[in-house]
């Protein structure tokens, strides 16, 4: 299984990458959201872990771009964020084809594995 991690925080991506490798998951990291978007468009990943709160170009921007280009539905994206989204905002995102889960930071590693497996 191949996982793409898109988050501007290198500490978080480093920890997630090491954890996933230890669990047998191949993974790629992008700390630049625009490059992350290009990677999503260029390659097929089994799961994309997408941080929502990134400066300049957010996870929402990535989702909206994929939606406009009609390729969001072909993705399996698990969103995560430390920022407080309302239940309504989260539910609206989860209704979109291609969004398969939402995790709140700090991420519980057992929840991460469950989200990837589903």
PDB file of N, CA and C in Angstrom:
ATOM      1  N   UNK A   1       0.850  -1.184   0.000  1.00  0.00           N
ATOM      2  CA  UNK A   1       0.000   0.000   0.000  1.00  0.00           C
ATOM      3  C   UNK A   1       0.887   1.235   0.000  1.00  0.00           C
ATOM      4  N   UNK A   2       0.540   2.203  -0.856  1.00  0.00           N
ATOM      5  CA  UNK A   2       1.341   3.424  -0.993  1.00  0.00           C
ATOM      6  C   UNK A   2       0.550   4.609  -0.451  1.00  0.00           C
ATOM      7  N   UNK A   3       1.174   5.351   0.470  1.00  0.00           N
ATOM      8  CA  UNK A   3       0.527   6.471   1.160  1.00  0.00           C
ATOM      9  C   UNK A   3       1.282   7.755   0.839  1.00  0.00           C
ATOM     10  N   UNK A   4       0.535   8.817   0.535  1.00  0.00           N
ATOM     11  CA  UNK A   4       1.112  10.153   0.376  1.00  0.00           C
ATOM     12  C   UNK A   4       0.720  10.974   1.592  1.00  0.00           C
ATOM     13  N   UNK A   5       1.714  11.596   2.239  1.00  0.00           N
ATOM     14  CA  UNK A   5       1.476  12.464   3.389  1.00  0.00           C
ATOM     15  C   UNK A   5       1.735  13.900   2.953  1.00  0.00           C
ATOM     16  N   UNK A   6       0.713  14.765   3.056  1.00  0.00           N
ATOM     17  CA  UNK A   6       0.856  16.170   2.690  1.00  0.00           C
ATOM     18  C   UNK A   6       0.613  17.011   3.936  1.00  0.00           C
ATOM     19  N   UNK A   7       1.678  17.592   4.453  1.00  0.00           N
ATOM     20  CA  UNK A   7       1.607  18.431   5.653  1.00  0.00           C
ATOM     21  C   UNK A   7       2.823  19.341   5.640  1.00  0.00           C
ATOM     22  N   UNK A   8       2.643  20.610   5.976  1.00  0.00           N
ATOM     23  CA  UNK A   8       3.757  21.556   5.959  1.00  0.00           C
ATOM     24  C   UNK A   8       4.694  21.380   7.152  1.00  0.00           C
ATOM     25  N   UNK A   9       4.295  20.622   8.169  1.00  0.00           N
ATOM     26  CA  UNK A   9       5.103  20.439   9.369  1.00  0.00           C
ATOM     27  C   UNK A   9       6.022  19.226   9.202  1.00  0.00           C
ATOM     28  N   UNK A  10       7.311  19.478   9.047  1.00  0.00           N
ATOM     29  CA  UNK A  10       8.267  18.398   8.805  1.00  0.00           C
ATOM     30  C   UNK A  10       8.387  17.446   9.986  1.00  0.00           C
ATOM     31  N   UNK A  11       8.193  17.933  11.201  1.00  0.00           N
ATOM     32  CA  UNK A  11       8.235  17.041  12.363  1.00  0.00           C
ATOM     33  C   UNK A  11       7.117  16.001  12.277  1.00  0.00           C
ATOM     34  N   UNK A  12       5.933  16.453  11.915  1.00  0.00           N
ATOM     35  CA  UNK A  12       4.784  15.544  11.811  1.00  0.00           C
ATOM     36  C   UNK A  12       4.984  14.556  10.668  1.00  0.00           C
ATOM     37  N   UNK A  13       5.391  15.057   9.501  1.00  0.00           N
ATOM     38  CA  UNK A  13       5.555  14.137   8.370  1.00  0.00           C
ATOM     39  C   UNK A  13       6.669  13.128   8.638  1.00  0.00           C
ATOM     40  N   UNK A  14       7.724  13.566   9.315  1.00  0.00           N
ATOM     41  CA  UNK A  14       8.811  12.648   9.650  1.00  0.00           C
ATOM     42  C   UNK A  14       8.342  11.521  10.567  1.00  0.00           C
ATOM     43  N   UNK A  15       7.592  11.895  11.593  1.00  0.00           N
ATOM     44  CA  UNK A  15       7.074  10.887  12.531  1.00  0.00           C
ATOM     45  C   UNK A  15       6.090   9.945  11.840  1.00  0.00           C
ATOM     46  N   UNK A  16       5.168  10.501  11.064  1.00  0.00           N
ATOM     47  CA  UNK A  16       4.184   9.661  10.361  1.00  0.00           C
ATOM     48  C   UNK A  16       4.886   8.728   9.379  1.00  0.00           C
ATOM     49  N   UNK A  17       5.864   9.246   8.653  1.00  0.00           N
ATOM     50  CA  UNK A  17       6.580   8.446   7.672  1.00  0.00           C
ATOM     51  C   UNK A  17       7.299   7.275   8.340  1.00  0.00           C
ATOM     52  N   UNK A  18       8.004   7.535   9.424  1.00  0.00           N
ATOM     53  CA  UNK A  18       8.714   6.466  10.130  1.00  0.00           C
ATOM     54  C   UNK A  18       7.738   5.433  10.696  1.00  0.00           C
ATOM     55  N   UNK A  19       6.641   5.902  11.269  1.00  0.00           N
ATOM     56  CA  UNK A  19       5.629   5.001  11.821  1.00  0.00           C
ATOM     57  C   UNK A  19       5.046   4.109  10.718  1.00  0.00           C
ATOM     58  N   UNK A  20       4.662   4.716   9.600  1.00  0.00           N
ATOM     59  CA  UNK A  20       4.068   3.932   8.512  1.00  0.00           C
ATOM     60  C   UNK A  20       5.058   2.933   7.923  1.00  0.00           C
ATOM     61  N   UNK A  21       6.327   3.336   7.763  1.00  0.00           N
ATOM     62  CA  UNK A  21       7.345   2.404   7.266  1.00  0.00           C
ATOM     63  C   UNK A  21       7.490   1.230   8.221  1.00  0.00           C
ATOM     64  N   UNK A  22       7.490   1.512   9.529  1.00  0.00           N
ATOM     65  CA  UNK A  22       7.613   0.439  10.531  1.00  0.00           C
ATOM     66  C   UNK A  22       6.434  -0.528  10.459  1.00  0.00           C
ATOM     67  N   UNK A  23       5.289  -0.034  10.005  1.00  0.00           N
ATOM     68  CA  UNK A  23       4.089  -0.874   9.881  1.00  0.00           C
ATOM     69  C   UNK A  23       3.978  -1.505   8.492  1.00  0.00           C
ATOM     70  N   UNK A  24       4.990  -1.285   7.640  1.00  0.00           N
ATOM     71  CA  UNK A  24       5.025  -1.924   6.336  1.00  0.00           C
ATOM     72  C   UNK A  24       4.384  -1.153   5.198  1.00  0.00           C
ATOM     73  N   UNK A  25       4.084   0.131   5.422  1.00  0.00           N
ATOM     74  CA  UNK A  25       3.473   0.952   4.374  1.00  0.00           C
ATOM     75  C   UNK A  25       4.535   1.754   3.640  1.00  0.00           C
ATOM     76  N   UNK A  26       4.533   1.666   2.321  1.00  0.00           N
ATOM     77  CA  UNK A  26       5.378   2.529   1.506  1.00  0.00           C
ATOM     78  C   UNK A  26       4.757   3.923   1.578  1.00  0.00           C
ATOM     79  N   UNK A  27       5.577   4.957   1.742  1.00  0.00           N
ATOM     80  CA  UNK A  27       4.993   6.298   1.793  1.00  0.00           C
ATOM     81  C   UNK A  27       5.912   7.347   1.207  1.00  0.00           C
ATOM     82  N   UNK A  28       5.271   8.419   0.766  1.00  0.00           N
ATOM     83  CA  UNK A  28       5.948   9.574   0.187  1.00  0.00           C
ATOM     84  C   UNK A  28       5.467  10.786   0.967  1.00  0.00           C
ATOM     85  N   UNK A  29       6.375  11.731   1.208  1.00  0.00           N
ATOM     86  CA  UNK A  29       6.047  12.929   1.980  1.00  0.00           C
ATOM     87  C   UNK A  29       6.155  14.161   1.091  1.00  0.00           C
ATOM     88  N   UNK A  30       5.201  15.070   1.253  1.00  0.00           N
ATOM     89  CA  UNK A  30       5.304  16.390   0.642  1.00  0.00           C
ATOM     90  C   UNK A  30       5.034  17.426   1.722  1.00  0.00           C
ATOM     91  N   UNK A  31       6.028  18.277   1.967  1.00  0.00           N
ATOM     92  CA  UNK A  31       5.856  19.361   2.924  1.00  0.00           C
ATOM     93  C   UNK A  31       5.405  20.651   2.238  1.00  0.00           C
ATOM     94  N   UNK A  32       5.246  20.594   0.929  1.00  0.00           N
ATOM     95  CA  UNK A  32       4.774  21.726   0.142  1.00  0.00           C
ATOM     96  C   UNK A  32       3.414  21.341  -0.443  1.00  0.00           C
ATOM     97  N   UNK A  33       2.342  22.023  -0.030  1.00  0.00           N
ATOM     98  CA  UNK A  33       1.007  21.614  -0.481  1.00  0.00           C
ATOM     99  C   UNK A  33       0.808  21.665  -1.992  1.00  0.00           C
ATOM    100  N   UNK A  34       1.423  22.624  -2.674  1.00  0.00           N
ATOM    101  CA  UNK A  34       1.265  22.688  -4.138  1.00  0.00           C
ATOM    102  C   UNK A  34       1.959  21.509  -4.810  1.00  0.00           C
ATOM    103  N   UNK A  35       3.114  21.115  -4.293  1.00  0.00           N
ATOM    104  CA  UNK A  35       3.792  19.924  -4.818  1.00  0.00           C
ATOM    105  C   UNK A  35       2.985  18.669  -4.476  1.00  0.00           C
ATOM    106  N   UNK A  36       2.388  18.671  -3.294  1.00  0.00           N
ATOM    107  CA  UNK A  36       1.533  17.555  -2.898  1.00  0.00           C
ATOM    108  C   UNK A  36       0.371  17.386  -3.863  1.00  0.00           C
ATOM    109  N   UNK A  37      -0.239  18.497  -4.257  1.00  0.00           N
ATOM    110  CA  UNK A  37      -1.331  18.457  -5.225  1.00  0.00           C
ATOM    111  C   UNK A  37      -0.850  17.850  -6.548  1.00  0.00           C
ATOM    112  N   UNK A  38       0.322  18.274  -7.006  1.00  0.00           N
ATOM    113  CA  UNK A  38       0.867  17.728  -8.253  1.00  0.00           C
ATOM    114  C   UNK A  38       1.114  16.227  -8.122  1.00  0.00           C
ATOM    115  N   UNK A  39       1.612  15.793  -6.968  1.00  0.00           N
ATOM    116  CA  UNK A  39       1.850  14.358  -6.765  1.00  0.00           C
ATOM    117  C   UNK A  39       0.537  13.577  -6.813  1.00  0.00           C
ATOM    118  N   UNK A  40      -0.509  14.126  -6.218  1.00  0.00           N
ATOM    119  CA  UNK A  40      -1.822  13.470  -6.251  1.00  0.00           C
ATOM    120  C   UNK A  40      -2.288  13.327  -7.702  1.00  0.00           C
ATOM    121  N   UNK A  41      -2.063  14.372  -8.493  1.00  0.00           N
ATOM    122  CA  UNK A  41      -2.531  14.370  -9.881  1.00  0.00           C
ATOM    123  C   UNK A  41      -1.685  13.465 -10.777  1.00  0.00           C
ATOM    124  N   UNK A  42      -0.405  13.303 -10.446  1.00  0.00           N
ATOM    125  CA  UNK A  42       0.510  12.549 -11.304  1.00  0.00           C
ATOM    126  C   UNK A  42       0.532  11.059 -11.013  1.00  0.00           C
ATOM    127  N   UNK A  43       0.340  10.670  -9.764  1.00  0.00           N
ATOM    128  CA  UNK A  43       0.463   9.265  -9.374  1.00  0.00           C
ATOM    129  C   UNK A  43      -0.773   8.819  -8.625  1.00  0.00           C
ATOM    130  N   UNK A  44      -0.964   7.519  -8.590  1.00  0.00           N
ATOM    131  CA  UNK A  44      -2.096   6.949  -7.848  1.00  0.00           C
ATOM    132  C   UNK A  44      -1.578   6.449  -6.507  1.00  0.00           C
ATOM    133  N   UNK A  45      -2.157   6.974  -5.441  1.00  0.00           N
ATOM    134  CA  UNK A  45      -1.824   6.529  -4.090  1.00  0.00           C
ATOM    135  C   UNK A  45      -3.025   5.792  -3.529  1.00  0.00           C
ATOM    136  N   UNK A  46      -2.744   4.799  -2.693  1.00  0.00           N
ATOM    137  CA  UNK A  46      -3.841   4.069  -2.054  1.00  0.00           C
ATOM    138  C   UNK A  46      -4.563   4.964  -1.053  1.00  0.00           C
ATOM    139  N   UNK A  47      -3.796   5.822  -0.386  1.00  0.00           N
ATOM    140  CA  UNK A  47      -4.354   6.757   0.594  1.00  0.00           C
ATOM    141  C   UNK A  47      -3.540   8.043   0.564  1.00  0.00           C
ATOM    142  N   UNK A  48      -4.231   9.180   0.697  1.00  0.00           N
ATOM    143  CA  UNK A  48      -3.570  10.472   0.863  1.00  0.00           C
ATOM    144  C   UNK A  48      -3.941  10.999   2.248  1.00  0.00           C
ATOM    145  N   UNK A  49      -2.939  11.256   3.080  1.00  0.00           N
ATOM    146  CA  UNK A  49      -3.153  11.894   4.384  1.00  0.00           C
ATOM    147  C   UNK A  49      -2.926  13.385   4.168  1.00  0.00           C
ATOM    148  N   UNK A  50      -3.976  14.168   4.349  1.00  0.00           N
ATOM    149  CA  UNK A  50      -3.942  15.578   3.960  1.00  0.00           C
ATOM    150  C   UNK A  50      -4.228  16.492   5.140  1.00  0.00           C
ATOM    151  N   UNK A  51      -3.224  17.312   5.486  1.00  0.00           N
ATOM    152  CA  UNK A  51      -3.417  18.336   6.507  1.00  0.00           C
ATOM    153  C   UNK A  51      -4.290  19.443   5.927  1.00  0.00           C
ATOM    154  N   UNK A  52      -5.206  19.932   6.720  1.00  0.00           N
ATOM    155  CA  UNK A  52      -6.120  20.964   6.233  1.00  0.00           C
ATOM    156  C   UNK A  52      -5.565  22.370   6.420  1.00  0.00           C
ATOM    157  N   UNK A  53      -4.791  22.595   7.472  1.00  0.00           N
ATOM    158  CA  UNK A  53      -4.348  23.949   7.810  1.00  0.00           C
ATOM    159  C   UNK A  53      -2.881  24.136   7.413  1.00  0.00           C
ATOM    160  N   UNK A  54      -2.672  24.608   6.183  1.00  0.00           N
ATOM    161  CA  UNK A  54      -1.333  24.928   5.714  1.00  0.00           C
ATOM    162  C   UNK A  54      -1.368  26.355   5.174  1.00  0.00           C
ATOM    163  N   UNK A  55      -0.287  27.113   5.387  1.00  0.00           N
ATOM    164  CA  UNK A  55      -0.290  28.503   4.927  1.00  0.00           C
ATOM    165  C   UNK A  55      -0.265  28.587   3.407  1.00  0.00           C
ATOM    166  N   UNK A  56      -0.837  29.622   2.870  1.00  0.00           N
ATOM    167  CA  UNK A  56      -0.841  29.944   1.440  1.00  0.00           C
ATOM    168  C   UNK A  56      -1.733  29.031   0.593  1.00  0.00           C
ATOM    169  N   UNK A  57      -1.636  27.721   0.795  1.00  0.00           N
ATOM    170  CA  UNK A  57      -2.403  26.772  -0.011  1.00  0.00           C
ATOM    171  C   UNK A  57      -2.813  25.642   0.923  1.00  0.00           C
ATOM    172  N   UNK A  58      -4.076  25.625   1.303  1.00  0.00           N
ATOM    173  CA  UNK A  58      -4.540  24.715   2.361  1.00  0.00           C
ATOM    174  C   UNK A  58      -5.036  23.385   1.790  1.00  0.00           C
ATOM    175  N   UNK A  59      -5.361  22.488   2.691  1.00  0.00           N
ATOM    176  CA  UNK A  59      -5.988  21.237   2.296  1.00  0.00           C
ATOM    177  C   UNK A  59      -7.305  21.472   1.580  1.00  0.00           C
ATOM    178  N   UNK A  60      -8.038  22.486   2.011  1.00  0.00           N
ATOM    179  CA  UNK A  60      -9.299  22.844   1.338  1.00  0.00           C
ATOM    180  C   UNK A  60      -9.013  23.240  -0.113  1.00  0.00           C
ATOM    181  N   UNK A  61      -7.945  24.012  -0.335  1.00  0.00           N
ATOM    182  CA  UNK A  61      -7.567  24.408  -1.696  1.00  0.00           C
ATOM    183  C   UNK A  61      -7.262  23.169  -2.554  1.00  0.00           C
ATOM    184  N   UNK A  62      -6.570  22.211  -1.967  1.00  0.00           N
ATOM    185  CA  UNK A  62      -6.250  20.976  -2.690  1.00  0.00           C
ATOM    186  C   UNK A  62      -7.540  20.230  -3.042  1.00  0.00           C
ATOM    187  N   UNK A  63      -8.426  20.076  -2.072  1.00  0.00           N
ATOM    188  CA  UNK A  63      -9.693  19.372  -2.308  1.00  0.00           C
ATOM    189  C   UNK A  63     -10.510  20.084  -3.381  1.00  0.00           C
ATOM    190  N   UNK A  64     -10.610  21.417  -3.299  1.00  0.00           N
ATOM    191  CA  UNK A  64     -11.379  22.169  -4.291  1.00  0.00           C
ATOM    192  C   UNK A  64     -10.781  22.036  -5.691  1.00  0.00           C
ATOM    193  N   UNK A  65      -9.454  22.031  -5.783  1.00  0.00           N
ATOM    194  CA  UNK A  65      -8.801  21.866  -7.084  1.00  0.00           C
ATOM    195  C   UNK A  65      -9.094  20.488  -7.663  1.00  0.00           C
ATOM    196  N   UNK A  66      -8.965  19.454  -6.841  1.00  0.00           N
ATOM    197  CA  UNK A  66      -9.247  18.095  -7.306  1.00  0.00           C
ATOM    198  C   UNK A  66     -10.707  17.953  -7.719  1.00  0.00           C
ATOM    199  N   UNK A  67     -11.589  18.629  -6.987  1.00  0.00           N
ATOM    200  CA  UNK A  67     -13.019  18.586  -7.299  1.00  0.00           C
ATOM    201  C   UNK A  67     -13.291  19.272  -8.649  1.00  0.00           C
ATOM    202  N   UNK A  68     -12.692  20.454  -8.858  1.00  0.00           N
ATOM    203  CA  UNK A  68     -12.871  21.185 -10.120  1.00  0.00           C
ATOM    204  C   UNK A  68     -12.374  20.369 -11.306  1.00  0.00           C
ATOM    205  N   UNK A  69     -11.281  19.647 -11.091  1.00  0.00           N
ATOM    206  CA  UNK A  69     -10.698  18.849 -12.175  1.00  0.00           C
ATOM    207  C   UNK A  69     -11.349  17.464 -12.266  1.00  0.00           C
ATOM    208  N   UNK A  70     -12.357  17.242 -11.464  1.00  0.00           N
ATOM    209  CA  UNK A  70     -13.150  16.013 -11.442  1.00  0.00           C
ATOM    210  C   UNK A  70     -12.309  14.762 -11.177  1.00  0.00           C
ATOM    211  N   UNK A  71     -11.302  14.911 -10.297  1.00  0.00           N
ATOM    212  CA  UNK A  71     -10.499  13.744  -9.925  1.00  0.00           C
ATOM    213  C   UNK A  71     -10.535  13.476  -8.417  1.00  0.00           C
ATOM    214  N   UNK A  72     -11.319  14.268  -7.687  1.00  0.00           N
ATOM    215  CA  UNK A  72     -11.448  14.033  -6.249  1.00  0.00           C
ATOM    216  C   UNK A  72     -12.076  12.668  -5.996  1.00  0.00           C
ATOM    217  N   UNK A  73     -13.080  12.319  -6.770  1.00  0.00           N
ATOM    218  CA  UNK A  73     -13.825  11.069  -6.555  1.00  0.00           C
ATOM    219  C   UNK A  73     -12.936   9.834  -6.729  1.00  0.00           C
ATOM    220  N   UNK A  74     -11.811   9.986  -7.417  1.00  0.00           N
ATOM    221  CA  UNK A  74     -10.904   8.865  -7.662  1.00  0.00           C
ATOM    222  C   UNK A  74      -9.880   8.686  -6.537  1.00  0.00           C
ATOM    223  N   UNK A  75      -9.942   9.529  -5.521  1.00  0.00           N
ATOM    224  CA  UNK A  75      -8.960   9.518  -4.442  1.00  0.00           C
ATOM    225  C   UNK A  75      -9.517   8.839  -3.191  1.00  0.00           C
ATOM    226  N   UNK A  76      -8.601   8.471  -2.308  1.00  0.00           N
ATOM    227  CA  UNK A  76      -8.970   8.065  -0.949  1.00  0.00           C
ATOM    228  C   UNK A  76      -8.180   8.990  -0.031  1.00  0.00           C
ATOM    229  N   UNK A  77      -8.839  10.065   0.410  1.00  0.00           N
ATOM    230  CA  UNK A  77      -8.177  11.094   1.205  1.00  0.00           C
ATOM    231  C   UNK A  77      -8.684  11.029   2.638  1.00  0.00           C
ATOM    232  N   UNK A  78      -7.736  11.016   3.570  1.00  0.00           N
ATOM    233  CA  UNK A  78      -8.049  11.144   4.987  1.00  0.00           C
ATOM    234  C   UNK A  78      -7.512  12.497   5.413  1.00  0.00           C
ATOM    235  N   UNK A  79      -8.414  13.371   5.842  1.00  0.00           N
ATOM    236  CA  UNK A  79      -8.014  14.715   6.236  1.00  0.00           C
ATOM    237  C   UNK A  79      -7.667  14.741   7.722  1.00  0.00           C
ATOM    238  N   UNK A  80      -6.765  15.642   8.085  1.00  0.00           N
ATOM    239  CA  UNK A  80      -6.456  15.839   9.503  1.00  0.00           C
ATOM    240  C   UNK A  80      -6.041  17.273   9.752  1.00  0.00           C
ATOM    241  N   UNK A  81      -6.292  17.710  10.983  1.00  0.00           N
ATOM    242  CA  UNK A  81      -5.967  19.090  11.326  1.00  0.00           C
ATOM    243  C   UNK A  81      -5.995  19.296  12.828  1.00  0.00           C
ATOM    244  N   UNK A  82      -5.202  20.250  13.270  1.00  0.00           N
ATOM    245  CA  UNK A  82      -5.225  20.654  14.674  1.00  0.00           C
ATOM    246  C   UNK A  82      -6.234  21.767  14.893  1.00  0.00           C
ATOM    247  N   UNK A  83      -6.631  22.427  13.796  1.00  0.00           N
ATOM    248  CA  UNK A  83      -7.572  23.528  13.930  1.00  0.00           C
ATOM    249  C   UNK A  83      -8.967  22.992  14.195  1.00  0.00           C
ATOM    250  N   UNK A  84      -9.760  23.804  14.800  1.00  0.00           N
ATOM    251  CA  UNK A  84     -11.106  23.387  15.186  1.00  0.00           C
ATOM    252  C   UNK A  84     -12.077  23.589  14.032  1.00  0.00           C
ATOM    253  N   UNK A  85     -12.403  22.512  13.375  1.00  0.00           N
ATOM    254  CA  UNK A  85     -13.466  22.545  12.379  1.00  0.00           C
ATOM    255  C   UNK A  85     -14.762  22.257  13.102  1.00  0.00           C
ATOM    256  N   UNK A  86     -15.825  22.847  12.645  1.00  0.00           N
ATOM    257  CA  UNK A  86     -17.126  22.522  13.230  1.00  0.00           C
ATOM    258  C   UNK A  86     -17.553  21.153  12.714  1.00  0.00           C
ATOM    259  N   UNK A  87     -18.458  20.515  13.441  1.00  0.00           N
ATOM    260  CA  UNK A  87     -18.987  19.229  12.988  1.00  0.00           C
ATOM    261  C   UNK A  87     -19.619  19.377  11.609  1.00  0.00           C
ATOM    262  N   UNK A  88     -20.260  20.492  11.382  1.00  0.00           N
ATOM    263  CA  UNK A  88     -20.904  20.756  10.103  1.00  0.00           C
ATOM    264  C   UNK A  88     -19.874  20.801   8.967  1.00  0.00           C
ATOM    265  N   UNK A  89     -18.764  21.498   9.199  1.00  0.00           N
ATOM    266  CA  UNK A  89     -17.719  21.588   8.177  1.00  0.00           C
ATOM    267  C   UNK A  89     -17.135  20.207   7.882  1.00  0.00           C
ATOM    268  N   UNK A  90     -16.875  19.440   8.929  1.00  0.00           N
ATOM    269  CA  UNK A  90     -16.323  18.095   8.756  1.00  0.00           C
ATOM    270  C   UNK A  90     -17.315  17.217   8.001  1.00  0.00           C
ATOM    271  N   UNK A  91     -18.586  17.261   8.392  1.00  0.00           N
ATOM    272  CA  UNK A  91     -19.602  16.451   7.720  1.00  0.00           C
ATOM    273  C   UNK A  91     -19.734  16.824   6.256  1.00  0.00           C
ATOM    274  N   UNK A  92     -19.631  18.128   5.941  1.00  0.00           N
ATOM    275  CA  UNK A  92     -19.693  18.566   4.539  1.00  0.00           C
ATOM    276  C   UNK A  92     -18.523  17.983   3.736  1.00  0.00           C
ATOM    277  N   UNK A  93     -17.339  17.985   4.332  1.00  0.00           N
ATOM    278  CA  UNK A  93     -16.171  17.415   3.653  1.00  0.00           C
ATOM    279  C   UNK A  93     -16.329  15.908   3.471  1.00  0.00           C
ATOM    280  N   UNK A  94     -16.823  15.230   4.507  1.00  0.00           N
ATOM    281  CA  UNK A  94     -16.960  13.776   4.443  1.00  0.00           C
ATOM    282  C   UNK A  94     -18.022  13.333   3.444  1.00  0.00           C
ATOM    283  N   UNK A  95     -18.903  14.224   3.053  1.00  0.00           N
ATOM    284  CA  UNK A  95     -19.922  13.900   2.048  1.00  0.00           C
ATOM    285  C   UNK A  95     -19.342  13.869   0.640  1.00  0.00           C
ATOM    286  N   UNK A  96     -18.166  14.454   0.462  1.00  0.00           N
ATOM    287  CA  UNK A  96     -17.560  14.516  -0.872  1.00  0.00           C
ATOM    288  C   UNK A  96     -16.966  13.154  -1.223  1.00  0.00           C
ATOM    289  N   UNK A  97     -17.247  12.708  -2.449  1.00  0.00           N
ATOM    290  CA  UNK A  97     -16.615  11.481  -2.929  1.00  0.00           C
ATOM    291  C   UNK A  97     -15.112  11.694  -2.951  1.00  0.00           C
ATOM    292  N   UNK A  98     -14.382  10.782  -2.364  1.00  0.00           N
ATOM    293  CA  UNK A  98     -12.923  10.894  -2.318  1.00  0.00           C
ATOM    294  C   UNK A  98     -12.402  11.208  -0.930  1.00  0.00           C
ATOM    295  N   UNK A  99     -13.256  11.751  -0.055  1.00  0.00           N
ATOM    296  CA  UNK A  99     -12.857  12.025   1.332  1.00  0.00           C
ATOM    297  C   UNK A  99     -13.371  10.860   2.180  1.00  0.00           C
ATOM    298  N   UNK A 100     -12.444  10.144   2.799  1.00  0.00           N
ATOM    299  CA  UNK A 100     -12.807   8.899   3.475  1.00  0.00           C
ATOM    300  C   UNK A 100     -12.677   8.930   4.990  1.00  0.00           C
ATOM    301  N   UNK A 101     -12.228  10.037   5.540  1.00  0.00           N
ATOM    302  CA  UNK A 101     -12.114  10.088   6.988  1.00  0.00           C
ATOM    303  C   UNK A 101     -11.524  11.402   7.449  1.00  0.00           C
ATOM    304  N   UNK A 102     -11.636  11.625   8.750  1.00  0.00           N
ATOM    305  CA  UNK A 102     -11.113  12.849   9.354  1.00  0.00           C
ATOM    306  C   UNK A 102     -10.492  12.491  10.700  1.00  0.00           C
ATOM    307  N   UNK A 103      -9.251  12.897  10.901  1.00  0.00           N
ATOM    308  CA  UNK A 103      -8.549  12.692  12.153  1.00  0.00           C
ATOM    309  C   UNK A 103      -8.163  14.046  12.730  1.00  0.00           C
ATOM    310  N   UNK A 104      -8.250  14.161  14.028  1.00  0.00           N
ATOM    311  CA  UNK A 104      -7.842  15.402  14.686  1.00  0.00           C
ATOM    312  C   UNK A 104      -6.440  15.222  15.266  1.00  0.00           C
ATOM    313  N   UNK A 105      -5.615  16.275  15.114  1.00  0.00           N
ATOM    314  CA  UNK A 105      -4.287  16.280  15.728  1.00  0.00           C
ATOM    315  C   UNK A 105      -4.440  16.591  17.206  1.00  0.00           C
ATOM    316  N   UNK A 106      -3.668  16.026  18.078  1.00  0.00           N
ATOM    317  CA  UNK A 106      -2.653  15.015  17.766  1.00  0.00           C
ATOM    318  C   UNK A 106      -3.312  13.697  17.357  1.00  0.00           C
ATOM    319  N   UNK A 107      -2.773  13.116  16.312  1.00  0.00           N
ATOM    320  CA  UNK A 107      -3.340  11.895  15.745  1.00  0.00           C
ATOM    321  C   UNK A 107      -3.015  10.710  16.641  1.00  0.00           C
ATOM    322  N   UNK A 108      -4.041   9.918  16.907  1.00  0.00           N
ATOM    323  CA  UNK A 108      -3.847   8.651  17.611  1.00  0.00           C
ATOM    324  C   UNK A 108      -3.423   7.630  16.555  1.00  0.00           C
ATOM    325  N   UNK A 109      -2.280   6.985  16.762  1.00  0.00           N
ATOM    326  CA  UNK A 109      -1.738   6.113  15.736  1.00  0.00           C
ATOM    327  C   UNK A 109      -2.662   4.936  15.423  1.00  0.00           C
ATOM    328  N   UNK A 110      -3.376   4.444  16.422  1.00  0.00           N
ATOM    329  CA  UNK A 110      -4.327   3.345  16.167  1.00  0.00           C
ATOM    330  C   UNK A 110      -5.455   3.830  15.245  1.00  0.00           C
ATOM    331  N   UNK A 111      -5.897   5.069  15.446  1.00  0.00           N
ATOM    332  CA  UNK A 111      -6.944   5.643  14.573  1.00  0.00           C
ATOM    333  C   UNK A 111      -6.417   5.844  13.158  1.00  0.00           C
ATOM    334  N   UNK A 112      -5.145   6.226  13.046  1.00  0.00           N
ATOM    335  CA  UNK A 112      -4.533   6.410  11.738  1.00  0.00           C
ATOM    336  C   UNK A 112      -4.535   5.091  10.969  1.00  0.00           C
ATOM    337  N   UNK A 113      -4.137   4.016  11.618  1.00  0.00           N
ATOM    338  CA  UNK A 113      -4.102   2.712  10.955  1.00  0.00           C
ATOM    339  C   UNK A 113      -5.501   2.274  10.541  1.00  0.00           C
ATOM    340  N   UNK A 114      -6.493   2.534  11.383  1.00  0.00           N
ATOM    341  CA  UNK A 114      -7.882   2.206  11.051  1.00  0.00           C
ATOM    342  C   UNK A 114      -8.343   3.001   9.843  1.00  0.00           C
ATOM    343  N   UNK A 115      -8.028   4.291   9.807  1.00  0.00           N
ATOM    344  CA  UNK A 115      -8.448   5.160   8.696  1.00  0.00           C
ATOM    345  C   UNK A 115      -7.802   4.716   7.383  1.00  0.00           C
ATOM    346  N   UNK A 116      -6.549   4.299   7.430  1.00  0.00           N
ATOM    347  CA  UNK A 116      -5.862   3.854   6.226  1.00  0.00           C
ATOM    348  C   UNK A 116      -6.462   2.541   5.727  1.00  0.00           C
ATOM    349  N   UNK A 117      -6.779   1.660   6.651  1.00  0.00           N
ATOM    350  CA  UNK A 117      -7.281   0.330   6.289  1.00  0.00           C
ATOM    351  C   UNK A 117      -8.701   0.364   5.745  1.00  0.00           C
ATOM    352  N   UNK A 118      -9.506   1.362   6.131  1.00  0.00           N
ATOM    353  CA  UNK A 118     -10.911   1.402   5.686  1.00  0.00           C
ATOM    354  C   UNK A 118     -11.073   1.957   4.305  1.00  0.00           C
TER     355      UNK A 118
END
